[in-house]
């Protein structure tokens, strides 16, 4: 079965929306725990990361609605992967700050 442009965008859209919620949940938990200055820096990065996931969701949605969709889908994919990278770095930084 050939790969179509809508395949990837159809996966990015719900996952990006979920990741916005994950970022905001972690930011809320960090705020409740009052973990100090370093954690405040991490929660700011995660707040910005949630905007990156929101951008990814918006671009993937637009790629599902418009033709040609390949350029929008590629940008959605890039935004999503960048957001995942930032989230992973923030989680490692937060884990090591708690030790």
PDB file of N, CA and C in Angstrom:
ATOM      1  N   UNK A   1       0.846  -1.176   0.000  1.00  0.00           N
ATOM      2  CA  UNK A   1       0.000   0.000   0.000  1.00  0.00           C
ATOM      3  C   UNK A   1       0.892   1.240   0.000  1.00  0.00           C
ATOM      4  N   UNK A   2       0.699   2.178  -0.908  1.00  0.00           N
ATOM      5  CA  UNK A   2       1.562   3.352  -0.973  1.00  0.00           C
ATOM      6  C   UNK A   2       1.303   4.311   0.181  1.00  0.00           C
ATOM      7  N   UNK A   3       2.359   4.997   0.563  1.00  0.00           N
ATOM      8  CA  UNK A   3       2.274   5.995   1.626  1.00  0.00           C
ATOM      9  C   UNK A   3       1.595   7.246   1.081  1.00  0.00           C
ATOM     10  N   UNK A   4       0.596   7.735   1.781  1.00  0.00           N
ATOM     11  CA  UNK A   4      -0.050   8.976   1.383  1.00  0.00           C
ATOM     12  C   UNK A   4       0.263  10.054   2.391  1.00  0.00           C
ATOM     13  N   UNK A   5       0.143  11.285   1.955  1.00  0.00           N
ATOM     14  CA  UNK A   5       0.476  12.417   2.805  1.00  0.00           C
ATOM     15  C   UNK A   5      -0.393  12.465   4.056  1.00  0.00           C
ATOM     16  N   UNK A   6      -1.613  12.054   3.943  1.00  0.00           N
ATOM     17  CA  UNK A   6      -2.535  12.139   5.069  1.00  0.00           C
ATOM     18  C   UNK A   6      -2.237  11.117   6.167  1.00  0.00           C
ATOM     19  N   UNK A   7      -1.441  10.107   5.850  1.00  0.00           N
ATOM     20  CA  UNK A   7      -1.113   9.107   6.857  1.00  0.00           C
ATOM     21  C   UNK A   7      -0.373   9.730   8.037  1.00  0.00           C
ATOM     22  N   UNK A   8       0.689  10.448   7.755  1.00  0.00           N
ATOM     23  CA  UNK A   8       1.506  11.040   8.812  1.00  0.00           C
ATOM     24  C   UNK A   8       0.754  12.143   9.545  1.00  0.00           C
ATOM     25  N   UNK A   9       0.093  13.015   8.811  1.00  0.00           N
ATOM     26  CA  UNK A   9      -0.648  14.114   9.441  1.00  0.00           C
ATOM     27  C   UNK A   9      -1.759  13.580  10.334  1.00  0.00           C
ATOM     28  N   UNK A  10      -2.359  12.485   9.943  1.00  0.00           N
ATOM     29  CA  UNK A  10      -3.405  11.881  10.764  1.00  0.00           C
ATOM     30  C   UNK A  10      -2.897  11.341  12.084  1.00  0.00           C
ATOM     31  N   UNK A  11      -1.617  11.022  12.146  1.00  0.00           N
ATOM     32  CA  UNK A  11      -1.009  10.571  13.404  1.00  0.00           C
ATOM     33  C   UNK A  11      -0.470  11.743  14.218  1.00  0.00           C
ATOM     34  N   UNK A  12       0.052  12.749  13.541  1.00  0.00           N
ATOM     35  CA  UNK A  12       0.631  13.899  14.237  1.00  0.00           C
ATOM     36  C   UNK A  12      -0.437  14.698  14.967  1.00  0.00           C
ATOM     37  N   UNK A  13      -1.590  14.884  14.343  1.00  0.00           N
ATOM     38  CA  UNK A  13      -2.630  15.741  14.932  1.00  0.00           C
ATOM     39  C   UNK A  13      -3.070  15.289  16.330  1.00  0.00           C
ATOM     40  N   UNK A  14      -3.523  14.063  16.525  1.00  0.00           N
ATOM     41  CA  UNK A  14      -3.964  13.704  17.886  1.00  0.00           C
ATOM     42  C   UNK A  14      -2.809  13.589  18.883  1.00  0.00           C
ATOM     43  N   UNK A  15      -1.657  13.171  18.396  1.00  0.00           N
ATOM     44  CA  UNK A  15      -0.512  13.029  19.298  1.00  0.00           C
ATOM     45  C   UNK A  15      -0.009  14.392  19.752  1.00  0.00           C
ATOM     46  N   UNK A  16       0.032  15.353  18.857  1.00  0.00           N
ATOM     47  CA  UNK A  16       0.449  16.711  19.235  1.00  0.00           C
ATOM     48  C   UNK A  16      -0.504  17.315  20.249  1.00  0.00           C
ATOM     49  N   UNK A  17      -1.793  17.114  20.027  1.00  0.00           N
ATOM     50  CA  UNK A  17      -2.777  17.642  20.977  1.00  0.00           C
ATOM     51  C   UNK A  17      -2.605  17.005  22.352  1.00  0.00           C
ATOM     52  N   UNK A  18      -2.307  15.735  22.387  1.00  0.00           N
ATOM     53  CA  UNK A  18      -2.048  15.051  23.653  1.00  0.00           C
ATOM     54  C   UNK A  18      -0.795  15.600  24.320  1.00  0.00           C
ATOM     55  N   UNK A  19       0.233  15.859  23.530  1.00  0.00           N
ATOM     56  CA  UNK A  19       1.491  16.350  24.089  1.00  0.00           C
ATOM     57  C   UNK A  19       1.352  17.765  24.659  1.00  0.00           C
ATOM     58  N   UNK A  20       0.448  18.575  24.106  1.00  0.00           N
ATOM     59  CA  UNK A  20       0.161  19.887  24.708  1.00  0.00           C
ATOM     60  C   UNK A  20      -0.343  19.678  26.131  1.00  0.00           C
ATOM     61  N   UNK A  21      -1.250  18.743  26.295  1.00  0.00           N
ATOM     62  CA  UNK A  21      -1.777  18.443  27.624  1.00  0.00           C
ATOM     63  C   UNK A  21      -0.728  17.887  28.565  1.00  0.00           C
ATOM     64  N   UNK A  22       0.160  17.050  28.055  1.00  0.00           N
ATOM     65  CA  UNK A  22       1.242  16.495  28.880  1.00  0.00           C
ATOM     66  C   UNK A  22       2.160  17.612  29.356  1.00  0.00           C
ATOM     67  N   UNK A  23       2.545  18.499  28.443  1.00  0.00           N
ATOM     68  CA  UNK A  23       3.423  19.615  28.826  1.00  0.00           C
ATOM     69  C   UNK A  23       2.772  20.480  29.900  1.00  0.00           C
ATOM     70  N   UNK A  24       1.513  20.796  29.714  1.00  0.00           N
ATOM     71  CA  UNK A  24       0.842  21.657  30.684  1.00  0.00           C
ATOM     72  C   UNK A  24       0.658  20.959  32.034  1.00  0.00           C
ATOM     73  N   UNK A  25       0.455  19.653  32.027  1.00  0.00           N
ATOM     74  CA  UNK A  25       0.354  18.904  33.278  1.00  0.00           C
ATOM     75  C   UNK A  25       1.677  18.931  34.028  1.00  0.00           C
ATOM     76  N   UNK A  26       2.773  18.714  33.330  1.00  0.00           N
ATOM     77  CA  UNK A  26       4.092  18.736  33.977  1.00  0.00           C
ATOM     78  C   UNK A  26       4.412  20.134  34.497  1.00  0.00           C
ATOM     79  N   UNK A  27       4.074  21.163  33.733  1.00  0.00           N
ATOM     80  CA  UNK A  27       4.288  22.539  34.201  1.00  0.00           C
ATOM     81  C   UNK A  27       3.505  22.773  35.487  1.00  0.00           C
ATOM     82  N   UNK A  28       2.266  22.318  35.528  1.00  0.00           N
ATOM     83  CA  UNK A  28       1.444  22.494  36.737  1.00  0.00           C
ATOM     84  C   UNK A  28       2.032  21.756  37.930  1.00  0.00           C
ATOM     85  N   UNK A  29       2.515  20.549  37.710  1.00  0.00           N
ATOM     86  CA  UNK A  29       3.109  19.768  38.799  1.00  0.00           C
ATOM     87  C   UNK A  29       4.374  20.448  39.315  1.00  0.00           C
ATOM     88  N   UNK A  30       5.199  20.948  38.412  1.00  0.00           N
ATOM     89  CA  UNK A  30       6.417  21.643  38.823  1.00  0.00           C
ATOM     90  C   UNK A  30       6.064  22.878  39.640  1.00  0.00           C
ATOM     91  N   UNK A  31       5.036  23.610  39.224  1.00  0.00           N
ATOM     92  CA  UNK A  31       4.613  24.808  39.967  1.00  0.00           C
ATOM     93  C   UNK A  31       4.100  24.445  41.363  1.00  0.00           C
ATOM     94  N   UNK A  32       3.395  23.334  41.466  1.00  0.00           N
ATOM     95  CA  UNK A  32       2.861  22.924  42.767  1.00  0.00           C
ATOM     96  C   UNK A  32       3.952  22.466  43.736  1.00  0.00           C
ATOM     97  N   UNK A  33       5.014  21.866  43.197  1.00  0.00           N
ATOM     98  CA  UNK A  33       6.061  21.320  44.051  1.00  0.00           C
ATOM     99  C   UNK A  33       7.096  22.354  44.489  1.00  0.00           C
ATOM    100  N   UNK A  34       7.102  23.526  43.873  1.00  0.00           N
ATOM    101  CA  UNK A  34       8.059  24.594  44.219  1.00  0.00           C
ATOM    102  C   UNK A  34       9.488  24.041  44.276  1.00  0.00           C
ATOM    103  N   UNK A  35       9.981  23.573  43.137  1.00  0.00           N
ATOM    104  CA  UNK A  35      11.275  22.892  43.085  1.00  0.00           C
ATOM    105  C   UNK A  35      12.479  23.824  42.941  1.00  0.00           C
ATOM    106  N   UNK A  36      12.281  25.087  42.879  1.00  0.00           N
ATOM    107  CA  UNK A  36      13.413  26.005  42.822  1.00  0.00           C
ATOM    108  C   UNK A  36      13.597  26.638  41.455  1.00  0.00           C
ATOM    109  N   UNK A  37      14.710  27.399  41.347  1.00  0.00           N
ATOM    110  CA  UNK A  37      14.974  28.196  40.153  1.00  0.00           C
ATOM    111  C   UNK A  37      15.173  27.334  38.911  1.00  0.00           C
ATOM    112  N   UNK A  38      15.910  26.239  39.033  1.00  0.00           N
ATOM    113  CA  UNK A  38      16.173  25.391  37.875  1.00  0.00           C
ATOM    114  C   UNK A  38      14.879  24.801  37.331  1.00  0.00           C
ATOM    115  N   UNK A  39      13.995  24.365  38.213  1.00  0.00           N
ATOM    116  CA  UNK A  39      12.720  23.804  37.779  1.00  0.00           C
ATOM    117  C   UNK A  39      11.862  24.873  37.103  1.00  0.00           C
ATOM    118  N   UNK A  40      11.987  26.113  37.543  1.00  0.00           N
ATOM    119  CA  UNK A  40      11.264  27.200  36.892  1.00  0.00           C
ATOM    120  C   UNK A  40      11.734  27.375  35.462  1.00  0.00           C
ATOM    121  N   UNK A  41      13.025  27.207  35.235  1.00  0.00           N
ATOM    122  CA  UNK A  41      13.568  27.271  33.883  1.00  0.00           C
ATOM    123  C   UNK A  41      13.023  26.118  33.034  1.00  0.00           C
ATOM    124  N   UNK A  42      12.972  24.925  33.605  1.00  0.00           N
ATOM    125  CA  UNK A  42      12.447  23.763  32.887  1.00  0.00           C
ATOM    126  C   UNK A  42      10.968  23.966  32.564  1.00  0.00           C
ATOM    127  N   UNK A  43      10.189  24.483  33.511  1.00  0.00           N
ATOM    128  CA  UNK A  43       8.764  24.642  33.214  1.00  0.00           C
ATOM    129  C   UNK A  43       8.518  25.721  32.167  1.00  0.00           C
ATOM    130  N   UNK A  44       9.388  26.700  32.070  1.00  0.00           N
ATOM    131  CA  UNK A  44       9.263  27.692  30.990  1.00  0.00           C
ATOM    132  C   UNK A  44       9.551  27.060  29.640  1.00  0.00           C
ATOM    133  N   UNK A  45      10.561  26.210  29.580  1.00  0.00           N
ATOM    134  CA  UNK A  45      10.849  25.501  28.336  1.00  0.00           C
ATOM    135  C   UNK A  45       9.680  24.597  27.946  1.00  0.00           C
ATOM    136  N   UNK A  46       9.086  23.943  28.935  1.00  0.00           N
ATOM    137  CA  UNK A  46       7.943  23.072  28.643  1.00  0.00           C
ATOM    138  C   UNK A  46       6.717  23.867  28.211  1.00  0.00           C
ATOM    139  N   UNK A  47       6.538  25.058  28.764  1.00  0.00           N
ATOM    140  CA  UNK A  47       5.426  25.905  28.332  1.00  0.00           C
ATOM    141  C   UNK A  47       5.613  26.320  26.872  1.00  0.00           C
ATOM    142  N   UNK A  48       6.833  26.681  26.510  1.00  0.00           N
ATOM    143  CA  UNK A  48       7.120  27.004  25.114  1.00  0.00           C
ATOM    144  C   UNK A  48       6.998  25.767  24.230  1.00  0.00           C
ATOM    145  N   UNK A  49       7.377  24.630  24.780  1.00  0.00           N
ATOM    146  CA  UNK A  49       7.262  23.371  24.053  1.00  0.00           C
ATOM    147  C   UNK A  49       5.797  23.049  23.749  1.00  0.00           C
ATOM    148  N   UNK A  50       4.909  23.384  24.663  1.00  0.00           N
ATOM    149  CA  UNK A  50       3.490  23.137  24.402  1.00  0.00           C
ATOM    150  C   UNK A  50       3.007  23.975  23.222  1.00  0.00           C
ATOM    151  N   UNK A  51       3.554  25.183  23.071  1.00  0.00           N
ATOM    152  CA  UNK A  51       3.211  25.991  21.905  1.00  0.00           C
ATOM    153  C   UNK A  51       3.746  25.370  20.617  1.00  0.00           C
ATOM    154  N   UNK A  52       4.901  24.735  20.701  1.00  0.00           N
ATOM    155  CA  UNK A  52       5.463  24.043  19.544  1.00  0.00           C
ATOM    156  C   UNK A  52       4.586  22.855  19.153  1.00  0.00           C
ATOM    157  N   UNK A  53       4.094  22.116  20.131  1.00  0.00           N
ATOM    158  CA  UNK A  53       3.167  21.020  19.845  1.00  0.00           C
ATOM    159  C   UNK A  53       1.840  21.557  19.287  1.00  0.00           C
ATOM    160  N   UNK A  54       1.402  22.701  19.778  1.00  0.00           N
ATOM    161  CA  UNK A  54       0.191  23.313  19.241  1.00  0.00           C
ATOM    162  C   UNK A  54       0.390  23.702  17.779  1.00  0.00           C
ATOM    163  N   UNK A  55       1.557  24.262  17.458  1.00  0.00           N
ATOM    164  CA  UNK A  55       1.881  24.586  16.074  1.00  0.00           C
ATOM    165  C   UNK A  55       1.881  23.330  15.211  1.00  0.00           C
ATOM    166  N   UNK A  56       2.451  22.266  15.729  1.00  0.00           N
ATOM    167  CA  UNK A  56       2.478  21.000  15.014  1.00  0.00           C
ATOM    168  C   UNK A  56       1.063  20.494  14.744  1.00  0.00           C
ATOM    169  N   UNK A  57       0.195  20.583  15.738  1.00  0.00           N
ATOM    170  CA  UNK A  57      -1.194  20.149  15.559  1.00  0.00           C
ATOM    171  C   UNK A  57      -1.906  21.013  14.522  1.00  0.00           C
ATOM    172  N   UNK A  58      -1.677  22.318  14.573  1.00  0.00           N
ATOM    173  CA  UNK A  58      -2.305  23.218  13.612  1.00  0.00           C
ATOM    174  C   UNK A  58      -1.830  22.931  12.186  1.00  0.00           C
ATOM    175  N   UNK A  59      -0.540  22.749  12.017  1.00  0.00           N
ATOM    176  CA  UNK A  59      -0.001  22.461  10.685  1.00  0.00           C
ATOM    177  C   UNK A  59      -0.495  21.116  10.154  1.00  0.00           C
ATOM    178  N   UNK A  60      -0.567  20.122  11.024  1.00  0.00           N
ATOM    179  CA  UNK A  60      -1.062  18.819  10.563  1.00  0.00           C
ATOM    180  C   UNK A  60      -2.542  18.898  10.216  1.00  0.00           C
ATOM    181  N   UNK A  61      -3.296  19.667  10.975  1.00  0.00           N
ATOM    182  CA  UNK A  61      -4.712  19.859  10.643  1.00  0.00           C
ATOM    183  C   UNK A  61      -4.855  20.538   9.284  1.00  0.00           C
ATOM    184  N   UNK A  62      -4.087  21.590   9.084  1.00  0.00           N
ATOM    185  CA  UNK A  62      -4.156  22.300   7.801  1.00  0.00           C
ATOM    186  C   UNK A  62      -3.721  21.398   6.649  1.00  0.00           C
ATOM    187  N   UNK A  63      -2.749  20.530   6.894  1.00  0.00           N
ATOM    188  CA  UNK A  63      -2.314  19.638   5.824  1.00  0.00           C
ATOM    189  C   UNK A  63      -3.392  18.612   5.471  1.00  0.00           C
ATOM    190  N   UNK A  64      -4.253  18.300   6.423  1.00  0.00           N
ATOM    191  CA  UNK A  64      -5.368  17.393   6.129  1.00  0.00           C
ATOM    192  C   UNK A  64      -6.471  18.092   5.345  1.00  0.00           C
ATOM    193  N   UNK A  65      -6.550  19.407   5.467  1.00  0.00           N
ATOM    194  CA  UNK A  65      -7.634  20.167   4.855  1.00  0.00           C
ATOM    195  C   UNK A  65      -7.272  20.791   3.515  1.00  0.00           C
ATOM    196  N   UNK A  66      -5.979  21.010   3.239  1.00  0.00           N
ATOM    197  CA  UNK A  66      -5.565  21.734   2.039  1.00  0.00           C
ATOM    198  C   UNK A  66      -4.762  20.861   1.101  1.00  0.00           C
ATOM    199  N   UNK A  67      -4.755  21.252  -0.128  1.00  0.00           N
ATOM    200  CA  UNK A  67      -3.931  20.600  -1.159  1.00  0.00           C
ATOM    201  C   UNK A  67      -3.032  21.653  -1.768  1.00  0.00           C
ATOM    202  N   UNK A  68      -1.818  21.427  -2.093  1.00  0.00           N
ATOM    203  CA  UNK A  68      -1.018  20.256  -1.733  1.00  0.00           C
ATOM    204  C   UNK A  68      -0.637  20.297  -0.258  1.00  0.00           C
ATOM    205  N   UNK A  69      -0.565  19.148   0.341  1.00  0.00           N
ATOM    206  CA  UNK A  69      -0.388  19.047   1.785  1.00  0.00           C
ATOM    207  C   UNK A  69       1.030  18.706   2.208  1.00  0.00           C
ATOM    208  N   UNK A  70       1.890  18.330   1.282  1.00  0.00           N
ATOM    209  CA  UNK A  70       3.211  17.804   1.646  1.00  0.00           C
ATOM    210  C   UNK A  70       4.058  18.813   2.414  1.00  0.00           C
ATOM    211  N   UNK A  71       4.056  20.072   2.014  1.00  0.00           N
ATOM    212  CA  UNK A  71       4.885  21.077   2.696  1.00  0.00           C
ATOM    213  C   UNK A  71       4.390  21.322   4.120  1.00  0.00           C
ATOM    214  N   UNK A  72       3.077  21.416   4.296  1.00  0.00           N
ATOM    215  CA  UNK A  72       2.522  21.620   5.636  1.00  0.00           C
ATOM    216  C   UNK A  72       2.792  20.411   6.522  1.00  0.00           C
ATOM    217  N   UNK A  73       2.658  19.232   5.950  1.00  0.00           N
ATOM    218  CA  UNK A  73       2.899  18.018   6.723  1.00  0.00           C
ATOM    219  C   UNK A  73       4.364  17.916   7.137  1.00  0.00           C
ATOM    220  N   UNK A  74       5.273  18.305   6.270  1.00  0.00           N
ATOM    221  CA  UNK A  74       6.698  18.275   6.599  1.00  0.00           C
ATOM    222  C   UNK A  74       7.007  19.252   7.729  1.00  0.00           C
ATOM    223  N   UNK A  75       6.384  20.408   7.707  1.00  0.00           N
ATOM    224  CA  UNK A  75       6.592  21.387   8.792  1.00  0.00           C
ATOM    225  C   UNK A  75       5.988  20.887  10.103  1.00  0.00           C
ATOM    226  N   UNK A  76       4.827  20.243  10.012  1.00  0.00           N
ATOM    227  CA  UNK A  76       4.202  19.664  11.207  1.00  0.00           C
ATOM    228  C   UNK A  76       5.102  18.588  11.807  1.00  0.00           C
ATOM    229  N   UNK A  77       5.683  17.781  10.940  1.00  0.00           N
ATOM    230  CA  UNK A  77       6.582  16.721  11.392  1.00  0.00           C
ATOM    231  C   UNK A  77       7.821  17.310  12.060  1.00  0.00           C
ATOM    232  N   UNK A  78       8.396  18.339  11.462  1.00  0.00           N
ATOM    233  CA  UNK A  78       9.576  18.991  12.043  1.00  0.00           C
ATOM    234  C   UNK A  78       9.251  19.613  13.404  1.00  0.00           C
ATOM    235  N   UNK A  79       8.118  20.308  13.485  1.00  0.00           N
ATOM    236  CA  UNK A  79       7.715  20.912  14.765  1.00  0.00           C
ATOM    237  C   UNK A  79       7.486  19.844  15.823  1.00  0.00           C
ATOM    238  N   UNK A  80       6.866  18.732  15.432  1.00  0.00           N
ATOM    239  CA  UNK A  80       6.590  17.652  16.374  1.00  0.00           C
ATOM    240  C   UNK A  80       7.888  17.026  16.889  1.00  0.00           C
ATOM    241  N   UNK A  81       8.804  16.724  15.994  1.00  0.00           N
ATOM    242  CA  UNK A  81      10.064  16.102  16.402  1.00  0.00           C
ATOM    243  C   UNK A  81      10.915  17.058  17.246  1.00  0.00           C
ATOM    244  N   UNK A  82      10.882  18.341  16.934  1.00  0.00           N
ATOM    245  CA  UNK A  82      11.583  19.331  17.751  1.00  0.00           C
ATOM    246  C   UNK A  82      10.965  19.392  19.146  1.00  0.00           C
ATOM    247  N   UNK A  83       9.647  19.350  19.208  1.00  0.00           N
ATOM    248  CA  UNK A  83       8.964  19.352  20.500  1.00  0.00           C
ATOM    249  C   UNK A  83       9.297  18.129  21.329  1.00  0.00           C
ATOM    250  N   UNK A  84       9.351  16.967  20.694  1.00  0.00           N
ATOM    251  CA  UNK A  84       9.724  15.751  21.420  1.00  0.00           C
ATOM    252  C   UNK A  84      11.151  15.834  21.952  1.00  0.00           C
ATOM    253  N   UNK A  85      12.042  16.385  21.157  1.00  0.00           N
ATOM    254  CA  UNK A  85      13.437  16.528  21.586  1.00  0.00           C
ATOM    255  C   UNK A  85      13.541  17.452  22.787  1.00  0.00           C
ATOM    256  N   UNK A  86      12.868  18.584  22.737  1.00  0.00           N
ATOM    257  CA  UNK A  86      12.893  19.523  23.861  1.00  0.00           C
ATOM    258  C   UNK A  86      12.290  18.882  25.104  1.00  0.00           C
ATOM    259  N   UNK A  87      11.200  18.148  24.933  1.00  0.00           N
ATOM    260  CA  UNK A  87      10.568  17.494  26.077  1.00  0.00           C
ATOM    261  C   UNK A  87      11.494  16.462  26.707  1.00  0.00           C
ATOM    262  N   UNK A  88      12.185  15.693  25.876  1.00  0.00           N
ATOM    263  CA  UNK A  88      13.117  14.688  26.398  1.00  0.00           C
ATOM    264  C   UNK A  88      14.266  15.355  27.149  1.00  0.00           C
ATOM    265  N   UNK A  89      14.807  16.431  26.595  1.00  0.00           N
ATOM    266  CA  UNK A  89      15.891  17.146  27.277  1.00  0.00           C
ATOM    267  C   UNK A  89      15.420  17.737  28.606  1.00  0.00           C
ATOM    268  N   UNK A  90      14.210  18.275  28.625  1.00  0.00           N
ATOM    269  CA  UNK A  90      13.669  18.827  29.866  1.00  0.00           C
ATOM    270  C   UNK A  90      13.455  17.736  30.912  1.00  0.00           C
ATOM    271  N   UNK A  91      12.993  16.574  30.484  1.00  0.00           N
ATOM    272  CA  UNK A  91      12.777  15.506  31.460  1.00  0.00           C
ATOM    273  C   UNK A  91      14.081  15.001  32.045  1.00  0.00           C
ATOM    274  N   UNK A  92      15.125  14.911  31.227  1.00  0.00           N
ATOM    275  CA  UNK A  92      16.441  14.503  31.737  1.00  0.00           C
ATOM    276  C   UNK A  92      16.973  15.569  32.696  1.00  0.00           C
ATOM    277  N   UNK A  93      16.857  16.838  32.303  1.00  0.00           N
ATOM    278  CA  UNK A  93      17.343  17.920  33.168  1.00  0.00           C
ATOM    279  C   UNK A  93      16.594  17.931  34.494  1.00  0.00           C
ATOM    280  N   UNK A  94      15.291  17.736  34.454  1.00  0.00           N
ATOM    281  CA  UNK A  94      14.506  17.722  35.677  1.00  0.00           C
ATOM    282  C   UNK A  94      14.835  16.528  36.545  1.00  0.00           C
ATOM    283  N   UNK A  95      15.046  15.381  35.931  1.00  0.00           N
ATOM    284  CA  UNK A  95      15.386  14.190  36.700  1.00  0.00           C
ATOM    285  C   UNK A  95      16.726  14.355  37.409  1.00  0.00           C
ATOM    286  N   UNK A  96      17.701  14.915  36.735  1.00  0.00           N
ATOM    287  CA  UNK A  96      18.998  15.110  37.367  1.00  0.00           C
ATOM    288  C   UNK A  96      19.013  16.246  38.382  1.00  0.00           C
ATOM    289  N   UNK A  97      18.093  17.179  38.258  1.00  0.00           N
ATOM    290  CA  UNK A  97      18.038  18.254  39.251  1.00  0.00           C
ATOM    291  C   UNK A  97      17.412  17.774  40.551  1.00  0.00           C
ATOM    292  N   UNK A  98      16.654  16.684  40.504  1.00  0.00           N
ATOM    293  CA  UNK A  98      15.990  16.170  41.695  1.00  0.00           C
ATOM    294  C   UNK A  98      16.871  15.213  42.493  1.00  0.00           C
ATOM    295  N   UNK A  99      17.987  14.804  41.921  1.00  0.00           N
ATOM    296  CA  UNK A  99      18.870  13.842  42.605  1.00  0.00           C
ATOM    297  C   UNK A  99      19.611  14.533  43.730  1.00  0.00           C
TER     298      UNK A  99
END
